[in-house]
Amino acid sequence: MRKAIVIIALALAGSLSATAQTTDNMNRIEVCKQNYRTLFGGEALTGQGTDPEMMDILQKFIFGEVFQTGELTLKQREMITCITLATMQTLPQLKAHAGAALNVGVTPEELREVMYLTAPFIGFPKMLNAVGAVNEVFKEPGISLPLEKQGTVTEETRHKTGKAIQDKLYPGGIASVMEGVPGNMGKDVEQFLTDYFFGDIYSRGALDLPTRELLGYCVLTTLEAESQLHSHYHGNVNAGNSPETLTAAVIQCLPYIGFPAAIKALRIIKEEYAIK
């Protein structure tokens, strides 16, 4: 059973080797095999297992087609895949892709920050599940835990730091959304967003701001959070991510979240891009 789960996890990959990304004369089967080998050190399309036909469809589509779409690096694709799987709480597949992420150059600190980034979106319990799965992967090659600290704020600076980040990405914050909340507690939520989301989390090291915003958009795409997808489109542009990069990131999520959720996010990108 465990072997079957691992095989499925390895199949559900979403990244791109540099060679396959730039080689036009390779067909999707060749690209699939090359990318699978790069990520996992194994062979794709073996015809083995209990469901070889579906595995054939999976691997050719994901490895041979999806991760030739758009201009994303191999590291970006694996971080996107990992945060999508963490959001979905598909932990066996997350463990497989955590290993693949390390194989293609994502550092342990970067991968941990990808997991920590999920907390404001999906809550602490699910984030801790994801961190626990990734920590198990870290132990296999002997990566020592805890990892090096990446926090940059103190109790005295978290608000100022968070506000500076928030103002850069989202001028005006969420004041209009929280206006009129009973008990005037909307102001508390506003401050939580500034101090915790942007102050405690977004200010941390290992990942830069454009990467955090791009990965955040992938979480929102997975959650089908329509309102936030509109605002975070502009947050991504303000962070320096192009609409084309954002589009490629959503397509990278597609094999894991399905067409309806991906098309919803792509429609929103198209709408916002048309407005400019």
C-alpha atoms as a PDB file:
ATOM      1  CA  MET A   1       0.000   0.000   0.000  1.00  0.00           C
ATOM      2  CA  ARG A   2       2.756   2.421   0.962  1.00  0.00           C
ATOM      3  CA  LYS A   3       4.604   1.623  -2.258  1.00  0.00           C
ATOM      4  CA  ALA A   4       1.492   2.394  -4.299  1.00  0.00           C
ATOM      5  CA  ILE A   5       1.021   5.726  -2.520  1.00  0.00           C
ATOM      6  CA  VAL A   6       4.617   6.708  -3.207  1.00  0.00           C
ATOM      7  CA  ILE A   7       4.265   5.804  -6.893  1.00  0.00           C
ATOM      8  CA  ILE A   8       1.153   7.967  -7.188  1.00  0.00           C
ATOM      9  CA  ALA A   9       2.873  10.789  -5.310  1.00  0.00           C
ATOM     10  CA  LEU A  10       5.812  10.720  -7.671  1.00  0.00           C
ATOM     11  CA  ALA A  11       3.477  10.836 -10.622  1.00  0.00           C
ATOM     12  CA  LEU A  12       1.712  13.971  -9.415  1.00  0.00           C
ATOM     13  CA  ALA A  13       4.652  16.258 -10.081  1.00  0.00           C
ATOM     14  CA  GLY A  14       4.786  19.679 -11.598  1.00  0.00           C
ATOM     15  CA  SER A  15       8.163  20.996 -12.602  1.00  0.00           C
ATOM     16  CA  LEU A  16      10.473  21.475 -15.504  1.00  0.00           C
ATOM     17  CA  SER A  17      14.060  20.643 -16.298  1.00  0.00           C
ATOM     18  CA  ALA A  18      16.011  23.440 -17.924  1.00  0.00           C
ATOM     19  CA  THR A  19      16.792  21.306 -20.953  1.00  0.00           C
ATOM     20  CA  ALA A  20      13.200  20.293 -21.605  1.00  0.00           C
ATOM     21  CA  GLN A  21      12.032  23.868 -21.160  1.00  0.00           C
ATOM     22  CA  THR A  22      14.169  25.101 -24.029  1.00  0.00           C
ATOM     23  CA  THR A  23      14.300  22.114 -26.391  1.00  0.00           C
ATOM     24  CA  ASP A  24      11.661  22.270 -29.119  1.00  0.00           C
ATOM     25  CA  ASN A  25      12.404  18.994 -30.872  1.00  0.00           C
ATOM     26  CA  MET A  26      11.656  16.769 -27.874  1.00  0.00           C
ATOM     27  CA  ASN A  27       8.208  15.178 -27.781  1.00  0.00           C
ATOM     28  CA  ARG A  28       6.184  15.037 -24.589  1.00  0.00           C
ATOM     29  CA  ILE A  29       7.213  11.453 -23.827  1.00  0.00           C
ATOM     30  CA  GLU A  30      10.910  12.312 -23.941  1.00  0.00           C
ATOM     31  CA  VAL A  31      10.322  15.457 -21.889  1.00  0.00           C
ATOM     32  CA  CYS A  32       8.264  13.473 -19.382  1.00  0.00           C
ATOM     33  CA  LYS A  33      10.979  10.896 -18.863  1.00  0.00           C
ATOM     34  CA  GLN A  34      13.715  13.485 -18.560  1.00  0.00           C
ATOM     35  CA  ASN A  35      11.836  15.626 -16.063  1.00  0.00           C
ATOM     36  CA  TYR A  36      10.786  12.666 -13.946  1.00  0.00           C
ATOM     37  CA  ARG A  37      14.377  11.467 -13.788  1.00  0.00           C
ATOM     38  CA  THR A  38      15.596  14.946 -12.830  1.00  0.00           C
ATOM     39  CA  LEU A  39      13.065  15.278 -10.028  1.00  0.00           C
ATOM     40  CA  PHE A  40      12.997  11.798  -8.557  1.00  0.00           C
ATOM     41  CA  GLY A  41      15.932   9.852  -9.947  1.00  0.00           C
ATOM     42  CA  GLY A  42      13.560   7.168 -11.248  1.00  0.00           C
ATOM     43  CA  GLU A  43      11.924   6.162 -14.482  1.00  0.00           C
ATOM     44  CA  ALA A  44       8.518   7.325 -15.714  1.00  0.00           C
ATOM     45  CA  LEU A  45       6.103   5.417 -17.958  1.00  0.00           C
ATOM     46  CA  THR A  46       7.206   2.008 -16.723  1.00  0.00           C
ATOM     47  CA  GLY A  47       3.837   0.332 -17.282  1.00  0.00           C
ATOM     48  CA  GLN A  48       4.083  -1.119 -13.781  1.00  0.00           C
ATOM     49  CA  GLY A  49       1.704  -0.975 -10.813  1.00  0.00           C
ATOM     50  CA  THR A  50      -2.015  -1.493 -10.414  1.00  0.00           C
ATOM     51  CA  ASP A  51      -3.119   1.378 -12.690  1.00  0.00           C
ATOM     52  CA  PRO A  52      -0.558   1.699 -15.475  1.00  0.00           C
ATOM     53  CA  GLU A  53      -2.925   3.341 -17.981  1.00  0.00           C
ATOM     54  CA  MET A  54      -3.846   6.209 -15.649  1.00  0.00           C
ATOM     55  CA  MET A  55      -0.234   6.620 -14.581  1.00  0.00           C
ATOM     56  CA  ASP A  56       0.673   6.929 -18.256  1.00  0.00           C
ATOM     57  CA  ILE A  57      -1.922   9.706 -18.720  1.00  0.00           C
ATOM     58  CA  LEU A  58      -0.795  11.475 -15.523  1.00  0.00           C
ATOM     59  CA  GLN A  59       2.869  11.449 -16.260  1.00  0.00           C
ATOM     60  CA  LYS A  60       2.677  12.474 -19.904  1.00  0.00           C
ATOM     61  CA  PHE A  61       0.286  15.325 -19.133  1.00  0.00           C
ATOM     62  CA  ILE A  62       2.028  16.699 -16.065  1.00  0.00           C
ATOM     63  CA  PHE A  63       5.686  16.061 -16.854  1.00  0.00           C
ATOM     64  CA  GLY A  64       5.463  16.293 -20.622  1.00  0.00           C
ATOM     65  CA  GLU A  65       3.014  19.170 -21.123  1.00  0.00           C
ATOM     66  CA  VAL A  66       2.088  21.285 -18.096  1.00  0.00           C
ATOM     67  CA  PHE A  67       5.586  22.102 -16.995  1.00  0.00           C
ATOM     68  CA  GLN A  68       6.572  23.210 -20.437  1.00  0.00           C
ATOM     69  CA  THR A  69       3.954  25.950 -20.155  1.00  0.00           C
ATOM     70  CA  GLY A  70       5.187  29.430 -19.229  1.00  0.00           C
ATOM     71  CA  GLU A  71       8.546  30.708 -18.091  1.00  0.00           C
ATOM     72  CA  LEU A  72       8.966  29.312 -14.584  1.00  0.00           C
ATOM     73  CA  THR A  73      12.155  27.909 -13.113  1.00  0.00           C
ATOM     74  CA  LEU A  74      12.374  24.366 -11.850  1.00  0.00           C
ATOM     75  CA  LYS A  75      12.582  25.635  -8.267  1.00  0.00           C
ATOM     76  CA  GLN A  76       9.498  27.803  -8.729  1.00  0.00           C
ATOM     77  CA  ARG A  77       7.525  24.883 -10.114  1.00  0.00           C
ATOM     78  CA  GLU A  78       8.378  22.608  -7.220  1.00  0.00           C
ATOM     79  CA  MET A  79       7.634  25.283  -4.613  1.00  0.00           C
ATOM     80  CA  ILE A  80       4.284  25.905  -6.310  1.00  0.00           C
ATOM     81  CA  THR A  81       3.552  22.191  -6.303  1.00  0.00           C
ATOM     82  CA  CYS A  82       4.515  21.830  -2.649  1.00  0.00           C
ATOM     83  CA  ILE A  83       2.394  24.741  -1.439  1.00  0.00           C
ATOM     84  CA  THR A  84      -0.572  23.520  -3.486  1.00  0.00           C
ATOM     85  CA  LEU A  85      -0.318  20.041  -1.991  1.00  0.00           C
ATOM     86  CA  ALA A  86       0.102  21.502   1.504  1.00  0.00           C
ATOM     87  CA  THR A  87      -3.033  23.589   1.018  1.00  0.00           C
ATOM     88  CA  MET A  88      -4.937  20.490  -0.103  1.00  0.00           C
ATOM     89  CA  GLN A  89      -3.449  18.488   2.805  1.00  0.00           C
ATOM     90  CA  THR A  90      -2.430  15.694   0.440  1.00  0.00           C
ATOM     91  CA  LEU A  91       0.512  14.843   2.663  1.00  0.00           C
ATOM     92  CA  PRO A  92       1.870  11.672   0.981  1.00  0.00           C
ATOM     93  CA  GLN A  93       2.245  13.583  -2.276  1.00  0.00           C
ATOM     94  CA  LEU A  94       3.676  16.561  -0.410  1.00  0.00           C
ATOM     95  CA  LYS A  95       6.410  14.365   1.053  1.00  0.00           C
ATOM     96  CA  ALA A  96       7.345  13.082  -2.402  1.00  0.00           C
ATOM     97  CA  HIS A  97       7.528  16.605  -3.796  1.00  0.00           C
ATOM     98  CA  ALA A  98       9.437  17.926  -0.815  1.00  0.00           C
ATOM     99  CA  GLY A  99      12.145  15.441  -1.730  1.00  0.00           C
ATOM    100  CA  ALA A 100      11.964  16.506  -5.372  1.00  0.00           C
ATOM    101  CA  ALA A 101      12.203  20.168  -4.364  1.00  0.00           C
ATOM    102  CA  LEU A 102      15.406  19.473  -2.460  1.00  0.00           C
ATOM    103  CA  ASN A 103      16.726  17.529  -5.461  1.00  0.00           C
ATOM    104  CA  VAL A 104      16.353  20.540  -7.760  1.00  0.00           C
ATOM    105  CA  GLY A 105      17.935  23.094  -5.450  1.00  0.00           C
ATOM    106  CA  VAL A 106      15.229  24.363  -3.104  1.00  0.00           C
ATOM    107  CA  THR A 107      17.003  24.815   0.227  1.00  0.00           C
ATOM    108  CA  PRO A 108      15.560  23.408   3.459  1.00  0.00           C
ATOM    109  CA  GLU A 109      15.048  26.976   4.692  1.00  0.00           C
ATOM    110  CA  GLU A 110      13.152  27.927   1.543  1.00  0.00           C
ATOM    111  CA  LEU A 111      10.959  24.849   1.723  1.00  0.00           C
ATOM    112  CA  ARG A 112      10.167  25.445   5.382  1.00  0.00           C
ATOM    113  CA  GLU A 113       9.139  29.021   4.567  1.00  0.00           C
ATOM    114  CA  VAL A 114       6.846  27.722   1.819  1.00  0.00           C
ATOM    115  CA  MET A 115       5.084  25.667   4.491  1.00  0.00           C
ATOM    116  CA  TYR A 116       4.988  28.505   7.034  1.00  0.00           C
ATOM    117  CA  LEU A 117       3.467  30.777   4.400  1.00  0.00           C
ATOM    118  CA  THR A 118       0.321  28.648   4.332  1.00  0.00           C
ATOM    119  CA  ALA A 119      -0.614  29.486   7.934  1.00  0.00           C
ATOM    120  CA  PRO A 120      -2.437  32.809   7.315  1.00  0.00           C
ATOM    121  CA  PHE A 121      -4.385  31.222   4.460  1.00  0.00           C
ATOM    122  CA  ILE A 122      -5.387  27.809   5.817  1.00  0.00           C
ATOM    123  CA  GLY A 123      -4.776  28.116   9.564  1.00  0.00           C
ATOM    124  CA  PHE A 124      -2.180  26.785  11.973  1.00  0.00           C
ATOM    125  CA  PRO A 125      -3.380  23.154  12.293  1.00  0.00           C
ATOM    126  CA  LYS A 126      -3.115  22.409   8.566  1.00  0.00           C
ATOM    127  CA  MET A 127       0.172  24.293   8.358  1.00  0.00           C
ATOM    128  CA  LEU A 128       1.558  22.138  11.174  1.00  0.00           C
ATOM    129  CA  ASN A 129       0.444  18.984   9.336  1.00  0.00           C
ATOM    130  CA  ALA A 130       2.396  20.131   6.295  1.00  0.00           C
ATOM    131  CA  VAL A 131       5.451  21.099   8.342  1.00  0.00           C
ATOM    132  CA  GLY A 132       5.399  17.699  10.031  1.00  0.00           C
ATOM    133  CA  ALA A 133       5.373  15.930   6.659  1.00  0.00           C
ATOM    134  CA  VAL A 134       8.254  18.023   5.342  1.00  0.00           C
ATOM    135  CA  ASN A 135      10.246  17.548   8.547  1.00  0.00           C
ATOM    136  CA  GLU A 136      10.060  13.797   7.992  1.00  0.00           C
ATOM    137  CA  VAL A 137      11.631  14.334   4.571  1.00  0.00           C
ATOM    138  CA  PHE A 138      14.362  16.498   6.103  1.00  0.00           C
ATOM    139  CA  LYS A 139      15.339  13.706   8.479  1.00  0.00           C
ATOM    140  CA  GLU A 140      16.013  11.192   5.701  1.00  0.00           C
ATOM    141  CA  PRO A 141      19.215  12.869   4.406  1.00  0.00           C
ATOM    142  CA  GLY A 142      20.164  13.932   7.932  1.00  0.00           C
ATOM    143  CA  ILE A 143      19.133  17.587   7.772  1.00  0.00           C
ATOM    144  CA  SER A 144      19.376  18.838  11.337  1.00  0.00           C
ATOM    145  CA  LEU A 145      16.313  20.388  12.968  1.00  0.00           C
ATOM    146  CA  PRO A 146      15.436  23.032  13.920  1.00  0.00           C
ATOM    147  CA  LEU A 147      16.659  24.949  10.901  1.00  0.00           C
ATOM    148  CA  GLU A 148      18.323  28.344  11.121  1.00  0.00           C
ATOM    149  CA  LYS A 149      16.005  31.109  12.307  1.00  0.00           C
ATOM    150  CA  GLN A 150      14.572  33.415   9.639  1.00  0.00           C
ATOM    151  CA  GLY A 151      12.550  35.888  11.708  1.00  0.00           C
ATOM    152  CA  THR A 152      13.394  39.569  11.247  1.00  0.00           C
ATOM    153  CA  VAL A 153      10.965  41.424  13.542  1.00  0.00           C
ATOM    154  CA  THR A 154      10.531  42.001  17.253  1.00  0.00           C
ATOM    155  CA  GLU A 155       7.449  42.830  19.298  1.00  0.00           C
ATOM    156  CA  GLU A 156       8.375  46.478  18.868  1.00  0.00           C
ATOM    157  CA  THR A 157       8.948  46.380  15.084  1.00  0.00           C
ATOM    158  CA  ARG A 158       6.423  43.876  13.731  1.00  0.00           C
ATOM    159  CA  HIS A 159       3.690  46.465  13.159  1.00  0.00           C
ATOM    160  CA  LYS A 160       5.900  49.021  11.421  1.00  0.00           C
ATOM    161  CA  THR A 161       7.533  46.355   9.268  1.00  0.00           C
ATOM    162  CA  GLY A 162       4.220  44.746   8.413  1.00  0.00           C
ATOM    163  CA  LYS A 163       2.634  48.067   7.510  1.00  0.00           C
ATOM    164  CA  ALA A 164       5.486  48.938   5.173  1.00  0.00           C
ATOM    165  CA  ILE A 165       5.073  45.627   3.323  1.00  0.00           C
ATOM    166  CA  GLN A 166       1.289  45.923   3.271  1.00  0.00           C
ATOM    167  CA  ASP A 167       1.353  49.487   1.982  1.00  0.00           C
ATOM    168  CA  LYS A 168       3.677  48.462  -0.853  1.00  0.00           C
ATOM    169  CA  LEU A 169       1.484  45.565  -1.950  1.00  0.00           C
ATOM    170  CA  TYR A 170      -2.005  46.643  -0.872  1.00  0.00           C
ATOM    171  CA  PRO A 171      -2.338  50.412  -0.401  1.00  0.00           C
ATOM    172  CA  GLY A 172      -5.356  51.048   1.785  1.00  0.00           C
ATOM    173  CA  GLY A 173      -5.347  47.585   3.314  1.00  0.00           C
ATOM    174  CA  ILE A 174      -8.738  46.036   4.096  1.00  0.00           C
ATOM    175  CA  ALA A 175     -10.281  48.960   5.951  1.00  0.00           C
ATOM    176  CA  SER A 176     -13.285  49.168   3.637  1.00  0.00           C
ATOM    177  CA  VAL A 177     -13.928  45.437   3.926  1.00  0.00           C
ATOM    178  CA  MET A 178     -13.838  45.488   7.733  1.00  0.00           C
ATOM    179  CA  GLU A 179     -15.898  48.656   8.113  1.00  0.00           C
ATOM    180  CA  GLY A 180     -19.127  48.016   9.978  1.00  0.00           C
ATOM    181  CA  VAL A 181     -18.143  44.700  11.567  1.00  0.00           C
ATOM    182  CA  PRO A 182     -20.144  44.385  14.830  1.00  0.00           C
ATOM    183  CA  GLY A 183     -18.396  45.565  17.976  1.00  0.00           C
ATOM    184  CA  ASN A 184     -15.902  47.510  15.862  1.00  0.00           C
ATOM    185  CA  MET A 185     -13.813  44.328  15.873  1.00  0.00           C
ATOM    186  CA  GLY A 186     -13.000  44.761  12.202  1.00  0.00           C
ATOM    187  CA  LYS A 187     -10.180  47.042  13.323  1.00  0.00           C
ATOM    188  CA  ASP A 188      -8.724  44.141  15.290  1.00  0.00           C
ATOM    189  CA  VAL A 189      -8.742  41.991  12.169  1.00  0.00           C
ATOM    190  CA  GLU A 190      -7.081  44.812  10.231  1.00  0.00           C
ATOM    191  CA  GLN A 191      -4.285  44.908  12.771  1.00  0.00           C
ATOM    192  CA  PHE A 192      -3.941  41.119  12.793  1.00  0.00           C
ATOM    193  CA  LEU A 193      -3.428  41.224   9.042  1.00  0.00           C
ATOM    194  CA  THR A 194      -0.785  43.936   9.320  1.00  0.00           C
ATOM    195  CA  ASP A 195       1.087  42.584  12.326  1.00  0.00           C
ATOM    196  CA  TYR A 196       0.807  38.824  11.827  1.00  0.00           C
ATOM    197  CA  PHE A 197       0.378  38.222   8.095  1.00  0.00           C
ATOM    198  CA  PHE A 198       2.737  40.913   6.845  1.00  0.00           C
ATOM    199  CA  GLY A 199       4.785  41.576   9.973  1.00  0.00           C
ATOM    200  CA  ASP A 200       5.465  38.098  11.340  1.00  0.00           C
ATOM    201  CA  ILE A 201       5.215  36.005   8.159  1.00  0.00           C
ATOM    202  CA  TYR A 202       5.951  38.095   5.069  1.00  0.00           C
ATOM    203  CA  SER A 203       9.018  39.715   6.625  1.00  0.00           C
ATOM    204  CA  ARG A 204      10.791  36.418   7.221  1.00  0.00           C
ATOM    205  CA  GLY A 205      13.941  35.449   5.354  1.00  0.00           C
ATOM    206  CA  ALA A 206      14.742  32.724   2.785  1.00  0.00           C
ATOM    207  CA  LEU A 207      11.944  33.743   0.361  1.00  0.00           C
ATOM    208  CA  ASP A 208      11.754  37.142  -1.300  1.00  0.00           C
ATOM    209  CA  LEU A 209       8.557  39.166  -1.566  1.00  0.00           C
ATOM    210  CA  PRO A 210       7.713  38.305  -5.202  1.00  0.00           C
ATOM    211  CA  THR A 211       8.024  34.601  -4.402  1.00  0.00           C
ATOM    212  CA  ARG A 212       5.770  34.904  -1.356  1.00  0.00           C
ATOM    213  CA  GLU A 213       3.109  36.742  -3.351  1.00  0.00           C
ATOM    214  CA  LEU A 214       3.278  34.249  -6.216  1.00  0.00           C
ATOM    215  CA  LEU A 215       2.940  31.290  -3.860  1.00  0.00           C
ATOM    216  CA  GLY A 216       0.136  33.048  -2.008  1.00  0.00           C
ATOM    217  CA  TYR A 217      -1.761  33.344  -5.281  1.00  0.00           C
ATOM    218  CA  CYS A 218      -1.410  29.589  -5.759  1.00  0.00           C
ATOM    219  CA  VAL A 219      -2.920  28.996  -2.316  1.00  0.00           C
ATOM    220  CA  LEU A 220      -5.846  31.287  -3.127  1.00  0.00           C
ATOM    221  CA  THR A 221      -6.285  29.553  -6.483  1.00  0.00           C
ATOM    222  CA  THR A 222      -6.479  26.207  -4.695  1.00  0.00           C
ATOM    223  CA  LEU A 223      -8.997  27.602  -2.204  1.00  0.00           C
ATOM    224  CA  GLU A 224     -11.020  29.246  -5.012  1.00  0.00           C
ATOM    225  CA  ALA A 225     -10.995  32.448  -2.947  1.00  0.00           C
ATOM    226  CA  GLU A 226     -12.473  34.665  -5.650  1.00  0.00           C
ATOM    227  CA  SER A 227     -12.445  38.019  -3.852  1.00  0.00           C
ATOM    228  CA  GLN A 228      -8.858  37.618  -2.686  1.00  0.00           C
ATOM    229  CA  LEU A 229      -7.745  36.454  -6.135  1.00  0.00           C
ATOM    230  CA  HIS A 230      -8.772  39.847  -7.500  1.00  0.00           C
ATOM    231  CA  SER A 231      -6.860  41.829  -4.867  1.00  0.00           C
ATOM    232  CA  HIS A 232      -3.833  39.521  -4.862  1.00  0.00           C
ATOM    233  CA  TYR A 233      -3.507  39.937  -8.618  1.00  0.00           C
ATOM    234  CA  HIS A 234      -2.604  43.560  -7.923  1.00  0.00           C
ATOM    235  CA  GLY A 235      -0.436  42.556  -4.965  1.00  0.00           C
ATOM    236  CA  ASN A 236       1.568  40.333  -7.307  1.00  0.00           C
ATOM    237  CA  VAL A 237       1.970  43.084  -9.877  1.00  0.00           C
ATOM    238  CA  ASN A 238       3.056  45.483  -7.120  1.00  0.00           C
ATOM    239  CA  ALA A 239       5.586  42.884  -5.952  1.00  0.00           C
ATOM    240  CA  GLY A 240       7.068  42.658  -9.438  1.00  0.00           C
ATOM    241  CA  ASN A 241       5.430  39.504 -10.831  1.00  0.00           C
ATOM    242  CA  SER A 242       4.192  39.784 -14.399  1.00  0.00           C
ATOM    243  CA  PRO A 243       0.700  38.650 -15.444  1.00  0.00           C
ATOM    244  CA  GLU A 244       2.400  35.989 -17.570  1.00  0.00           C
ATOM    245  CA  THR A 245       4.234  34.605 -14.529  1.00  0.00           C
ATOM    246  CA  LEU A 246       1.011  34.580 -12.542  1.00  0.00           C
ATOM    247  CA  THR A 247      -0.774  32.765 -15.364  1.00  0.00           C
ATOM    248  CA  ALA A 248       1.955  30.129 -15.609  1.00  0.00           C
ATOM    249  CA  ALA A 249       1.786  29.578 -11.844  1.00  0.00           C
ATOM    250  CA  VAL A 250      -1.955  28.920 -11.969  1.00  0.00           C
ATOM    251  CA  ILE A 251      -1.476  26.474 -14.841  1.00  0.00           C
ATOM    252  CA  GLN A 252       1.198  24.750 -12.767  1.00  0.00           C
ATOM    253  CA  CYS A 253      -1.467  24.191 -10.092  1.00  0.00           C
ATOM    254  CA  LEU A 254      -3.995  22.815 -12.577  1.00  0.00           C
ATOM    255  CA  PRO A 255      -3.140  19.078 -12.497  1.00  0.00           C
ATOM    256  CA  TYR A 256      -3.506  19.035  -8.719  1.00  0.00           C
ATOM    257  CA  ILE A 257      -6.597  21.216  -8.237  1.00  0.00           C
ATOM    258  CA  GLY A 258      -8.509  20.442 -11.439  1.00  0.00           C
ATOM    259  CA  PHE A 259      -9.812  22.584 -14.294  1.00  0.00           C
ATOM    260  CA  PRO A 260     -12.714  24.401 -12.534  1.00  0.00           C
ATOM    261  CA  ALA A 261     -10.556  26.036  -9.855  1.00  0.00           C
ATOM    262  CA  ALA A 262      -7.751  26.835 -12.292  1.00  0.00           C
ATOM    263  CA  ILE A 263     -10.101  28.318 -14.894  1.00  0.00           C
ATOM    264  CA  LYS A 264     -11.708  30.511 -12.218  1.00  0.00           C
ATOM    265  CA  ALA A 265      -8.306  31.968 -11.329  1.00  0.00           C
ATOM    266  CA  LEU A 266      -7.331  32.388 -14.983  1.00  0.00           C
ATOM    267  CA  ARG A 267     -10.590  34.208 -15.684  1.00  0.00           C
ATOM    268  CA  ILE A 268      -9.844  36.632 -12.853  1.00  0.00           C
ATOM    269  CA  ILE A 269      -6.310  37.226 -14.146  1.00  0.00           C
ATOM    270  CA  LYS A 270      -7.731  37.887 -17.617  1.00  0.00           C
ATOM    271  CA  GLU A 271     -10.287  40.344 -16.220  1.00  0.00           C
ATOM    272  CA  GLU A 272      -7.756  42.267 -14.131  1.00  0.00           C
ATOM    273  CA  TYR A 273      -5.184  42.258 -16.921  1.00  0.00           C
ATOM    274  CA  ALA A 274      -7.732  43.732 -19.326  1.00  0.00           C
ATOM    275  CA  ILE A 275      -8.392  46.628 -16.953  1.00  0.00           C
ATOM    276  CA  LYS A 276      -4.717  47.545 -16.419  1.00  0.00           C
END
